[in-house]
Amino acid sequence: MDPTTSGRFRVHDRRRRPDIDDESDGADSAATPDDAEEFVLVELADEPVDPTAPDAEDRFDPLYATAEGYEGDLAEAVDALRPGFVVDATLVWTDGSARFREVEVVRETRFRFADGVEGMFEAAVETWRQIRAEGEPVGSITTRSNDGDPNGALYLFADAPGSDTFDEVRTGRLPIEPLVARVNDSRDGDDPREVFVLRPAEHEFVAVYVVFDRDGVLAQTVRDTYDLGPGLAAGLDASYPGGDGGDPTAPGGSDGSGDSDRSGDSGADDDFDDDLDDDFDALDRL
């Protein structure tokens, strides 16, 4: 009988298997055809991970599950998975390659990736200038709505020549999970978020923007601005008779302002700024 792994996983991406020389999951890349697509998965721990623990980095190592070749209800369930979703799944291992035996979506957080974006929003650019002036490679701020309520956590990582921070985030080698977990802890819940991973064309950093309200104005504006899905226009269409709000996986228009201070989110934790400033270790992978 083939071995199985059951647990809760974050779906990072669906792509052809990346060429990683030091894969830690023990999978044999030769067992998977070169043109086959796989999901990049990160197993979620039952309890918070202590970043000082000796095995902390290993707890977020990615593994890969075949995305093709399923039948019936399982095929529909696998095909419906999107980056950012949290799933309960059972994986079966055959010849070093993993396949889904069962999968159920438990939370529809979305990860959206954009490389070489033009017109990076000013909050990110100004924060990056401050970080570099202080000689730091990583930093973070909390963005706020016009009412002053926190609406997002913005993390910035250096993307120096010779490195590829964007790809490391997308493939799960630089984990997003601790950043999302910090937001959930600060807001006393794990509601679905919208997480944007953006690499600007004109600046040497990668932004990971965890937006608190997946359906709020801020998330819609960012989606509009960088063509990452339905945004404000889709929301307006849905408010009229016959409007359906658009396909959540289809590309959206680009008529948003990209202003990071726009959101109707409320009820945020006033201590969230302090959590970011005090707990975020710029030199720690976690």
C-alpha atoms as a PDB file:
ATOM      1  CA  MET A   1       0.000   0.000   0.000  1.00  0.00           C
ATOM      2  CA  ASP A   2       1.312   3.421  -0.938  1.00  0.00           C
ATOM      3  CA  PRO A   3       2.047   5.765   1.996  1.00  0.00           C
ATOM      4  CA  THR A   4      -0.285   8.688   2.634  1.00  0.00           C
ATOM      5  CA  THR A   5      -0.068  12.107   4.280  1.00  0.00           C
ATOM      6  CA  SER A   6      -3.140  13.800   5.754  1.00  0.00           C
ATOM      7  CA  GLY A   7      -3.296  17.336   7.069  1.00  0.00           C
ATOM      8  CA  ARG A   8      -4.124  20.959   6.393  1.00  0.00           C
ATOM      9  CA  PHE A   9      -2.258  22.671   3.566  1.00  0.00           C
ATOM     10  CA  ARG A  10      -1.940  26.077   1.950  1.00  0.00           C
ATOM     11  CA  VAL A  11      -2.024  26.084  -1.869  1.00  0.00           C
ATOM     12  CA  HIS A  12       0.727  28.433  -3.029  1.00  0.00           C
ATOM     13  CA  ASP A  13       0.649  28.065  -6.786  1.00  0.00           C
ATOM     14  CA  ARG A  14      -0.177  25.818  -9.732  1.00  0.00           C
ATOM     15  CA  ARG A  15       2.677  25.573 -12.181  1.00  0.00           C
ATOM     16  CA  ARG A  16       5.186  23.335 -13.840  1.00  0.00           C
ATOM     17  CA  ARG A  17       7.463  21.941 -11.192  1.00  0.00           C
ATOM     18  CA  PRO A  18      10.228  24.456 -10.411  1.00  0.00           C
ATOM     19  CA  ASP A  19      13.837  23.363 -10.687  1.00  0.00           C
ATOM     20  CA  ILE A  20      14.932  23.213  -7.048  1.00  0.00           C
ATOM     21  CA  ASP A  21      18.208  21.446  -6.385  1.00  0.00           C
ATOM     22  CA  ASP A  22      17.716  21.097  -2.636  1.00  0.00           C
ATOM     23  CA  GLU A  23      14.105  19.904  -2.420  1.00  0.00           C
ATOM     24  CA  SER A  24      13.390  18.659   1.073  1.00  0.00           C
ATOM     25  CA  ASP A  25      10.294  16.595   0.360  1.00  0.00           C
ATOM     26  CA  GLY A  26      12.254  13.730  -1.151  1.00  0.00           C
ATOM     27  CA  ALA A  27      10.237  13.752  -4.374  1.00  0.00           C
ATOM     28  CA  ASP A  28      11.832  12.369  -7.498  1.00  0.00           C
ATOM     29  CA  SER A  29      11.420  15.020 -10.183  1.00  0.00           C
ATOM     30  CA  ALA A  30      12.075  12.419 -12.878  1.00  0.00           C
ATOM     31  CA  ALA A  31       8.840  10.698 -11.893  1.00  0.00           C
ATOM     32  CA  THR A  32       6.851  13.699 -13.112  1.00  0.00           C
ATOM     33  CA  PRO A  33       6.695  14.591 -16.839  1.00  0.00           C
ATOM     34  CA  ASP A  34       8.410  17.866 -17.696  1.00  0.00           C
ATOM     35  CA  ASP A  35       5.186  19.460 -18.949  1.00  0.00           C
ATOM     36  CA  ALA A  36       2.986  18.279 -16.048  1.00  0.00           C
ATOM     37  CA  GLU A  37       1.514  20.846 -13.681  1.00  0.00           C
ATOM     38  CA  GLU A  38       1.732  20.504  -9.923  1.00  0.00           C
ATOM     39  CA  PHE A  39       0.402  22.394  -6.946  1.00  0.00           C
ATOM     40  CA  VAL A  40       2.927  23.954  -4.594  1.00  0.00           C
ATOM     41  CA  LEU A  41       1.668  23.139  -1.088  1.00  0.00           C
ATOM     42  CA  VAL A  42       2.790  24.148   2.400  1.00  0.00           C
ATOM     43  CA  GLU A  43       1.560  22.069   5.316  1.00  0.00           C
ATOM     44  CA  LEU A  44       0.079  24.162   8.132  1.00  0.00           C
ATOM     45  CA  ALA A  45       1.049  23.365  11.694  1.00  0.00           C
ATOM     46  CA  ASP A  46      -1.646  22.618  14.260  1.00  0.00           C
ATOM     47  CA  GLU A  47      -0.037  25.074  16.685  1.00  0.00           C
ATOM     48  CA  PRO A  48       1.882  28.338  16.143  1.00  0.00           C
ATOM     49  CA  VAL A  49       5.485  27.754  15.079  1.00  0.00           C
ATOM     50  CA  ASP A  50       8.186  29.191  17.329  1.00  0.00           C
ATOM     51  CA  PRO A  51      10.603  30.974  14.949  1.00  0.00           C
ATOM     52  CA  THR A  52      13.489  30.245  17.336  1.00  0.00           C
ATOM     53  CA  ALA A  53      12.942  26.476  17.218  1.00  0.00           C
ATOM     54  CA  PRO A  54      15.728  24.518  15.443  1.00  0.00           C
ATOM     55  CA  ASP A  55      13.307  23.076  12.878  1.00  0.00           C
ATOM     56  CA  ALA A  56      11.243  26.247  12.356  1.00  0.00           C
ATOM     57  CA  GLU A  57      12.342  26.816   8.768  1.00  0.00           C
ATOM     58  CA  ASP A  58      11.643  23.211   7.813  1.00  0.00           C
ATOM     59  CA  ARG A  59       8.025  23.494   9.006  1.00  0.00           C
ATOM     60  CA  PHE A  60       7.204  25.651   5.966  1.00  0.00           C
ATOM     61  CA  ASP A  61       9.124  23.737   3.305  1.00  0.00           C
ATOM     62  CA  PRO A  62       6.990  23.268   0.170  1.00  0.00           C
ATOM     63  CA  LEU A  63       5.885  19.965  -1.282  1.00  0.00           C
ATOM     64  CA  TYR A  64       4.287  19.232  -4.647  1.00  0.00           C
ATOM     65  CA  ALA A  65       1.103  17.434  -5.642  1.00  0.00           C
ATOM     66  CA  THR A  66       0.137  16.488  -9.176  1.00  0.00           C
ATOM     67  CA  ALA A  67      -2.604  18.772 -10.532  1.00  0.00           C
ATOM     68  CA  GLU A  68      -3.726  16.583 -13.445  1.00  0.00           C
ATOM     69  CA  GLY A  69      -5.113  13.150 -14.232  1.00  0.00           C
ATOM     70  CA  TYR A  70      -7.976  12.936 -11.725  1.00  0.00           C
ATOM     71  CA  GLU A  71     -11.505  11.727 -12.396  1.00  0.00           C
ATOM     72  CA  GLY A  72     -15.053  12.529 -11.295  1.00  0.00           C
ATOM     73  CA  ASP A  73     -15.726  14.656  -8.225  1.00  0.00           C
ATOM     74  CA  LEU A  74     -12.062  14.631  -7.235  1.00  0.00           C
ATOM     75  CA  ALA A  75     -11.084  16.073 -10.617  1.00  0.00           C
ATOM     76  CA  GLU A  76     -13.571  18.925 -10.133  1.00  0.00           C
ATOM     77  CA  ALA A  77     -12.342  19.599  -6.605  1.00  0.00           C
ATOM     78  CA  VAL A  78      -8.688  19.667  -7.654  1.00  0.00           C
ATOM     79  CA  ASP A  79      -9.367  21.839 -10.696  1.00  0.00           C
ATOM     80  CA  ALA A  80     -11.185  24.383  -8.500  1.00  0.00           C
ATOM     81  CA  LEU A  81      -8.163  24.965  -6.235  1.00  0.00           C
ATOM     82  CA  ARG A  82      -6.623  28.424  -6.358  1.00  0.00           C
ATOM     83  CA  PRO A  83      -3.436  29.913  -4.867  1.00  0.00           C
ATOM     84  CA  GLY A  84      -4.054  30.885  -1.264  1.00  0.00           C
ATOM     85  CA  PHE A  85      -6.784  28.351  -0.532  1.00  0.00           C
ATOM     86  CA  VAL A  86      -6.456  26.367   2.686  1.00  0.00           C
ATOM     87  CA  VAL A  87      -7.454  22.730   2.243  1.00  0.00           C
ATOM     88  CA  ASP A  88      -7.819  19.577   4.274  1.00  0.00           C
ATOM     89  CA  ALA A  89      -6.315  16.861   2.127  1.00  0.00           C
ATOM     90  CA  THR A  90      -4.971  13.358   1.986  1.00  0.00           C
ATOM     91  CA  LEU A  91      -2.004  12.850  -0.340  1.00  0.00           C
ATOM     92  CA  VAL A  92      -0.903   9.461  -1.562  1.00  0.00           C
ATOM     93  CA  TRP A  93       2.735   8.967  -2.521  1.00  0.00           C
ATOM     94  CA  THR A  94       3.709   6.776  -5.471  1.00  0.00           C
ATOM     95  CA  ASP A  95       7.321   6.570  -6.684  1.00  0.00           C
ATOM     96  CA  GLY A  96       8.128   9.751  -4.778  1.00  0.00           C
ATOM     97  CA  SER A  97       5.307  11.772  -6.375  1.00  0.00           C
ATOM     98  CA  ALA A  98       2.231  12.957  -4.475  1.00  0.00           C
ATOM     99  CA  ARG A  99      -1.368  12.928  -5.680  1.00  0.00           C
ATOM    100  CA  PHE A 100      -4.568  14.009  -3.988  1.00  0.00           C
ATOM    101  CA  ARG A 101      -6.737  11.202  -2.673  1.00  0.00           C
ATOM    102  CA  GLU A 102      -9.150  13.594  -0.947  1.00  0.00           C
ATOM    103  CA  VAL A 103      -9.301  17.401  -0.810  1.00  0.00           C
ATOM    104  CA  GLU A 104     -11.734  19.874   0.754  1.00  0.00           C
ATOM    105  CA  VAL A 105     -11.430  23.668   0.793  1.00  0.00           C
ATOM    106  CA  VAL A 106     -11.780  25.112   4.310  1.00  0.00           C
ATOM    107  CA  ARG A 107     -10.819  28.751   3.682  1.00  0.00           C
ATOM    108  CA  GLU A 108     -10.722  30.766   0.452  1.00  0.00           C
ATOM    109  CA  THR A 109      -7.916  33.209   1.088  1.00  0.00           C
ATOM    110  CA  ARG A 110      -6.406  34.221  -2.260  1.00  0.00           C
ATOM    111  CA  PHE A 111      -2.776  34.753  -3.253  1.00  0.00           C
ATOM    112  CA  ARG A 112      -2.294  36.919  -6.329  1.00  0.00           C
ATOM    113  CA  PHE A 113       1.101  37.370  -7.970  1.00  0.00           C
ATOM    114  CA  ALA A 114       2.245  40.114 -10.344  1.00  0.00           C
ATOM    115  CA  ASP A 115       5.794  40.569 -11.653  1.00  0.00           C
ATOM    116  CA  GLY A 116       7.162  43.718 -13.277  1.00  0.00           C
ATOM    117  CA  VAL A 117       4.224  45.889 -12.225  1.00  0.00           C
ATOM    118  CA  GLU A 118       4.114  49.533 -13.285  1.00  0.00           C
ATOM    119  CA  GLY A 119       2.929  52.327 -11.034  1.00  0.00           C
ATOM    120  CA  MET A 120       3.731  50.794  -7.647  1.00  0.00           C
ATOM    121  CA  PHE A 121       1.579  52.468  -5.007  1.00  0.00           C
ATOM    122  CA  GLU A 122       3.238  55.263  -3.059  1.00  0.00           C
ATOM    123  CA  ALA A 123       2.939  53.713   0.408  1.00  0.00           C
ATOM    124  CA  ALA A 124       5.185  50.853  -0.702  1.00  0.00           C
ATOM    125  CA  VAL A 125       7.732  53.089  -2.431  1.00  0.00           C
ATOM    126  CA  GLU A 126       8.016  55.539   0.466  1.00  0.00           C
ATOM    127  CA  THR A 127       8.286  52.739   3.011  1.00  0.00           C
ATOM    128  CA  TRP A 128      11.016  51.078   0.971  1.00  0.00           C
ATOM    129  CA  ARG A 129      13.005  54.320   0.873  1.00  0.00           C
ATOM    130  CA  GLN A 130      12.795  54.568   4.650  1.00  0.00           C
ATOM    131  CA  ILE A 131      13.853  50.939   5.071  1.00  0.00           C
ATOM    132  CA  ARG A 132      16.878  51.369   2.817  1.00  0.00           C
ATOM    133  CA  ALA A 133      17.834  54.617   4.540  1.00  0.00           C
ATOM    134  CA  GLU A 134      17.992  52.629   7.774  1.00  0.00           C
ATOM    135  CA  GLY A 135      20.123  49.952   6.089  1.00  0.00           C
ATOM    136  CA  GLU A 136      17.584  47.171   6.529  1.00  0.00           C
ATOM    137  CA  PRO A 137      16.756  44.476   3.904  1.00  0.00           C
ATOM    138  CA  VAL A 138      13.185  43.904   5.118  1.00  0.00           C
ATOM    139  CA  GLY A 139      10.488  45.950   6.818  1.00  0.00           C
ATOM    140  CA  SER A 140       6.766  46.395   7.276  1.00  0.00           C
ATOM    141  CA  ILE A 141       4.011  48.910   7.927  1.00  0.00           C
ATOM    142  CA  THR A 142       0.279  48.857   8.562  1.00  0.00           C
ATOM    143  CA  THR A 143      -1.850  50.704   6.014  1.00  0.00           C
ATOM    144  CA  ARG A 144      -5.041  52.448   7.075  1.00  0.00           C
ATOM    145  CA  SER A 145      -8.348  53.512   5.582  1.00  0.00           C
ATOM    146  CA  ASN A 146      -9.489  57.109   5.287  1.00  0.00           C
ATOM    147  CA  ASP A 147     -11.181  56.596   8.669  1.00  0.00           C
ATOM    148  CA  GLY A 148      -7.873  55.594  10.247  1.00  0.00           C
ATOM    149  CA  ASP A 149      -8.724  51.919  10.654  1.00  0.00           C
ATOM    150  CA  PRO A 150      -5.992  49.362   9.848  1.00  0.00           C
ATOM    151  CA  ASN A 151      -6.811  47.621   6.579  1.00  0.00           C
ATOM    152  CA  GLY A 152      -3.631  45.821   5.549  1.00  0.00           C
ATOM    153  CA  ALA A 153      -0.161  44.646   6.547  1.00  0.00           C
ATOM    154  CA  LEU A 154       2.516  45.529   3.994  1.00  0.00           C
ATOM    155  CA  TYR A 155       5.819  43.637   4.081  1.00  0.00           C
ATOM    156  CA  LEU A 156       8.742  44.591   1.847  1.00  0.00           C
ATOM    157  CA  PHE A 157      11.676  42.312   1.001  1.00  0.00           C
ATOM    158  CA  ALA A 158      14.875  43.265  -0.791  1.00  0.00           C
ATOM    159  CA  ASP A 159      15.221  41.812  -4.279  1.00  0.00           C
ATOM    160  CA  ALA A 160      18.891  42.425  -4.891  1.00  0.00           C
ATOM    161  CA  PRO A 161      20.690  41.551  -8.145  1.00  0.00           C
ATOM    162  CA  GLY A 162      21.420  37.852  -8.316  1.00  0.00           C
ATOM    163  CA  SER A 163      18.452  36.928  -6.128  1.00  0.00           C
ATOM    164  CA  ASP A 164      14.840  36.142  -7.021  1.00  0.00           C
ATOM    165  CA  THR A 165      12.739  36.940  -3.986  1.00  0.00           C
ATOM    166  CA  PHE A 166       9.542  36.956  -6.037  1.00  0.00           C
ATOM    167  CA  ASP A 167      10.074  33.371  -7.186  1.00  0.00           C
ATOM    168  CA  GLU A 168      11.074  32.277  -3.674  1.00  0.00           C
ATOM    169  CA  VAL A 169       7.769  33.587  -2.334  1.00  0.00           C
ATOM    170  CA  ARG A 170       5.744  32.094  -5.161  1.00  0.00           C
ATOM    171  CA  THR A 171       7.286  28.649  -4.802  1.00  0.00           C
ATOM    172  CA  GLY A 172       6.940  28.663  -1.024  1.00  0.00           C
ATOM    173  CA  ARG A 173      10.674  28.743  -0.296  1.00  0.00           C
ATOM    174  CA  LEU A 174      10.184  32.119   1.422  1.00  0.00           C
ATOM    175  CA  PRO A 175       7.007  31.388   3.382  1.00  0.00           C
ATOM    176  CA  ILE A 176       4.012  33.724   3.414  1.00  0.00           C
ATOM    177  CA  GLU A 177       2.271  31.708   6.100  1.00  0.00           C
ATOM    178  CA  PRO A 178       3.855  33.390   9.154  1.00  0.00           C
ATOM    179  CA  LEU A 179       2.782  36.774   7.793  1.00  0.00           C
ATOM    180  CA  VAL A 180      -0.820  35.665   7.312  1.00  0.00           C
ATOM    181  CA  ALA A 181      -0.810  33.985  10.727  1.00  0.00           C
ATOM    182  CA  ARG A 182       0.345  37.224  12.358  1.00  0.00           C
ATOM    183  CA  VAL A 183      -2.572  39.084  10.788  1.00  0.00           C
ATOM    184  CA  ASN A 184      -5.042  36.412  11.921  1.00  0.00           C
ATOM    185  CA  ASP A 185      -3.661  36.524  15.464  1.00  0.00           C
ATOM    186  CA  SER A 186      -3.928  40.304  15.619  1.00  0.00           C
ATOM    187  CA  ARG A 187      -7.529  40.249  14.462  1.00  0.00           C
ATOM    188  CA  ASP A 188      -8.697  37.315  16.592  1.00  0.00           C
ATOM    189  CA  GLY A 189      -9.790  35.284  13.601  1.00  0.00           C
ATOM    190  CA  ASP A 190      -8.755  33.607  10.376  1.00  0.00           C
ATOM    191  CA  ASP A 191     -11.255  35.055   7.913  1.00  0.00           C
ATOM    192  CA  PRO A 192     -10.256  34.771   4.241  1.00  0.00           C
ATOM    193  CA  ARG A 193      -7.658  37.386   3.291  1.00  0.00           C
ATOM    194  CA  GLU A 194      -6.374  38.718   0.001  1.00  0.00           C
ATOM    195  CA  VAL A 195      -2.594  38.486  -0.312  1.00  0.00           C
ATOM    196  CA  PHE A 196      -0.849  40.357  -3.121  1.00  0.00           C
ATOM    197  CA  VAL A 197       2.754  39.547  -4.032  1.00  0.00           C
ATOM    198  CA  LEU A 198       4.029  42.351  -6.250  1.00  0.00           C
ATOM    199  CA  ARG A 199       7.449  43.000  -7.798  1.00  0.00           C
ATOM    200  CA  PRO A 200       7.668  46.515  -9.258  1.00  0.00           C
ATOM    201  CA  ALA A 201       9.508  47.080 -12.513  1.00  0.00           C
ATOM    202  CA  GLU A 202      11.341  50.167 -11.250  1.00  0.00           C
ATOM    203  CA  HIS A 203      12.319  49.188  -7.695  1.00  0.00           C
ATOM    204  CA  GLU A 204      14.425  46.408  -6.184  1.00  0.00           C
ATOM    205  CA  PHE A 205      11.951  45.031  -3.678  1.00  0.00           C
ATOM    206  CA  VAL A 206       9.062  42.582  -3.472  1.00  0.00           C
ATOM    207  CA  ALA A 207       5.892  43.587  -1.639  1.00  0.00           C
ATOM    208  CA  VAL A 208       3.731  41.068   0.208  1.00  0.00           C
ATOM    209  CA  TYR A 209       0.500  42.886   1.011  1.00  0.00           C
ATOM    210  CA  VAL A 210      -1.889  41.043   3.327  1.00  0.00           C
ATOM    211  CA  VAL A 211      -5.233  42.831   2.946  1.00  0.00           C
ATOM    212  CA  PHE A 212      -7.559  42.171   5.873  1.00  0.00           C
ATOM    213  CA  ASP A 213     -10.897  42.211   4.027  1.00  0.00           C
ATOM    214  CA  ARG A 214     -10.848  40.076   0.882  1.00  0.00           C
ATOM    215  CA  ASP A 215     -14.089  41.668  -0.353  1.00  0.00           C
ATOM    216  CA  GLY A 216     -13.348  45.254   0.756  1.00  0.00           C
ATOM    217  CA  VAL A 217     -12.636  48.326  -1.329  1.00  0.00           C
ATOM    218  CA  LEU A 218      -8.873  48.083  -0.770  1.00  0.00           C
ATOM    219  CA  ALA A 219      -8.608  44.542  -2.154  1.00  0.00           C
ATOM    220  CA  GLN A 220     -10.838  45.455  -5.088  1.00  0.00           C
ATOM    221  CA  THR A 221      -8.735  48.529  -5.838  1.00  0.00           C
ATOM    222  CA  VAL A 222      -5.460  46.604  -5.849  1.00  0.00           C
ATOM    223  CA  ARG A 223      -6.974  43.926  -8.105  1.00  0.00           C
ATOM    224  CA  ASP A 224      -8.166  46.608 -10.517  1.00  0.00           C
ATOM    225  CA  THR A 225      -4.881  48.489 -10.530  1.00  0.00           C
ATOM    226  CA  TYR A 226      -2.696  45.507 -11.367  1.00  0.00           C
ATOM    227  CA  ASP A 227      -5.153  43.443 -13.468  1.00  0.00           C
ATOM    228  CA  LEU A 228      -5.327  40.689 -10.851  1.00  0.00           C
ATOM    229  CA  GLY A 229      -9.035  39.879 -10.875  1.00  0.00           C
ATOM    230  CA  PRO A 230     -12.440  41.507 -10.456  1.00  0.00           C
ATOM    231  CA  GLY A 231     -12.339  44.794  -8.614  1.00  0.00           C
ATOM    232  CA  LEU A 232     -14.477  47.859  -8.095  1.00  0.00           C
ATOM    233  CA  ALA A 233     -16.043  47.688 -11.550  1.00  0.00           C
ATOM    234  CA  ALA A 234     -17.231  44.112 -10.971  1.00  0.00           C
ATOM    235  CA  GLY A 235     -18.651  45.096  -7.612  1.00  0.00           C
ATOM    236  CA  LEU A 236     -20.596  47.955  -9.147  1.00  0.00           C
ATOM    237  CA  ASP A 237     -21.943  45.689 -11.895  1.00  0.00           C
ATOM    238  CA  ALA A 238     -23.166  43.229  -9.266  1.00  0.00           C
ATOM    239  CA  SER A 239     -25.235  45.967  -7.581  1.00  0.00           C
ATOM    240  CA  TYR A 240     -27.450  46.357 -10.652  1.00  0.00           C
ATOM    241  CA  PRO A 241     -30.124  43.927 -11.877  1.00  0.00           C
ATOM    242  CA  GLY A 242     -28.442  41.176 -13.852  1.00  0.00           C
ATOM    243  CA  GLY A 243     -25.004  41.890 -12.392  1.00  0.00           C
ATOM    244  CA  ASP A 244     -23.115  38.791 -11.338  1.00  0.00           C
ATOM    245  CA  GLY A 245     -19.991  40.332  -9.868  1.00  0.00           C
ATOM    246  CA  GLY A 246     -17.738  38.677 -12.444  1.00  0.00           C
ATOM    247  CA  ASP A 247     -15.731  35.475 -12.474  1.00  0.00           C
ATOM    248  CA  PRO A 248     -13.450  35.495  -9.409  1.00  0.00           C
ATOM    249  CA  THR A 249     -10.685  33.811 -11.406  1.00  0.00           C
ATOM    250  CA  ALA A 250     -10.949  35.985 -14.535  1.00  0.00           C
ATOM    251  CA  PRO A 251      -8.631  38.959 -15.198  1.00  0.00           C
ATOM    252  CA  GLY A 252     -10.144  42.303 -14.274  1.00  0.00           C
ATOM    253  CA  GLY A 253      -9.970  45.817 -15.603  1.00  0.00           C
ATOM    254  CA  SER A 254      -7.318  48.376 -14.706  1.00  0.00           C
ATOM    255  CA  ASP A 255      -9.266  51.417 -13.591  1.00  0.00           C
ATOM    256  CA  GLY A 256      -8.387  51.410  -9.895  1.00  0.00           C
ATOM    257  CA  SER A 257      -6.268  54.076  -8.256  1.00  0.00           C
ATOM    258  CA  GLY A 258      -3.963  51.732  -6.326  1.00  0.00           C
ATOM    259  CA  ASP A 259      -4.237  53.969  -3.255  1.00  0.00           C
ATOM    260  CA  SER A 260      -3.309  51.804  -0.268  1.00  0.00           C
ATOM    261  CA  ASP A 261      -5.408  53.942   2.094  1.00  0.00           C
ATOM    262  CA  ARG A 262      -8.780  53.034   0.621  1.00  0.00           C
ATOM    263  CA  SER A 263     -10.942  50.547   2.462  1.00  0.00           C
ATOM    264  CA  GLY A 264     -14.177  50.268   4.370  1.00  0.00           C
ATOM    265  CA  ASP A 265     -12.725  47.776   6.844  1.00  0.00           C
ATOM    266  CA  SER A 266     -13.438  48.398  10.525  1.00  0.00           C
ATOM    267  CA  GLY A 267     -13.081  46.792  13.929  1.00  0.00           C
ATOM    268  CA  ALA A 268      -9.323  46.322  13.608  1.00  0.00           C
ATOM    269  CA  ASP A 269      -6.910  45.702  16.435  1.00  0.00           C
ATOM    270  CA  ASP A 270      -5.280  48.981  17.500  1.00  0.00           C
ATOM    271  CA  ASP A 271      -2.175  47.093  18.641  1.00  0.00           C
ATOM    272  CA  PHE A 272      -1.431  45.704  15.183  1.00  0.00           C
ATOM    273  CA  ASP A 273       1.167  48.402  14.394  1.00  0.00           C
ATOM    274  CA  ASP A 274       3.073  47.520  17.545  1.00  0.00           C
ATOM    275  CA  ASP A 275       2.938  43.809  16.677  1.00  0.00           C
ATOM    276  CA  LEU A 276       4.590  44.480  13.322  1.00  0.00           C
ATOM    277  CA  ASP A 277       7.265  46.821  14.647  1.00  0.00           C
ATOM    278  CA  ASP A 278       8.206  44.756  17.712  1.00  0.00           C
ATOM    279  CA  ASP A 279       7.961  41.183  16.415  1.00  0.00           C
ATOM    280  CA  PHE A 280       9.089  41.354  12.802  1.00  0.00           C
ATOM    281  CA  ASP A 281      12.688  40.164  12.499  1.00  0.00           C
ATOM    282  CA  ALA A 282      14.156  41.502   9.279  1.00  0.00           C
ATOM    283  CA  LEU A 283      16.867  38.844   9.229  1.00  0.00           C
ATOM    284  CA  ASP A 284      14.666  35.867  10.106  1.00  0.00           C
ATOM    285  CA  ARG A 285      13.237  33.726   7.297  1.00  0.00           C
ATOM    286  CA  LEU A 286      10.083  33.450   9.406  1.00  0.00           C
END
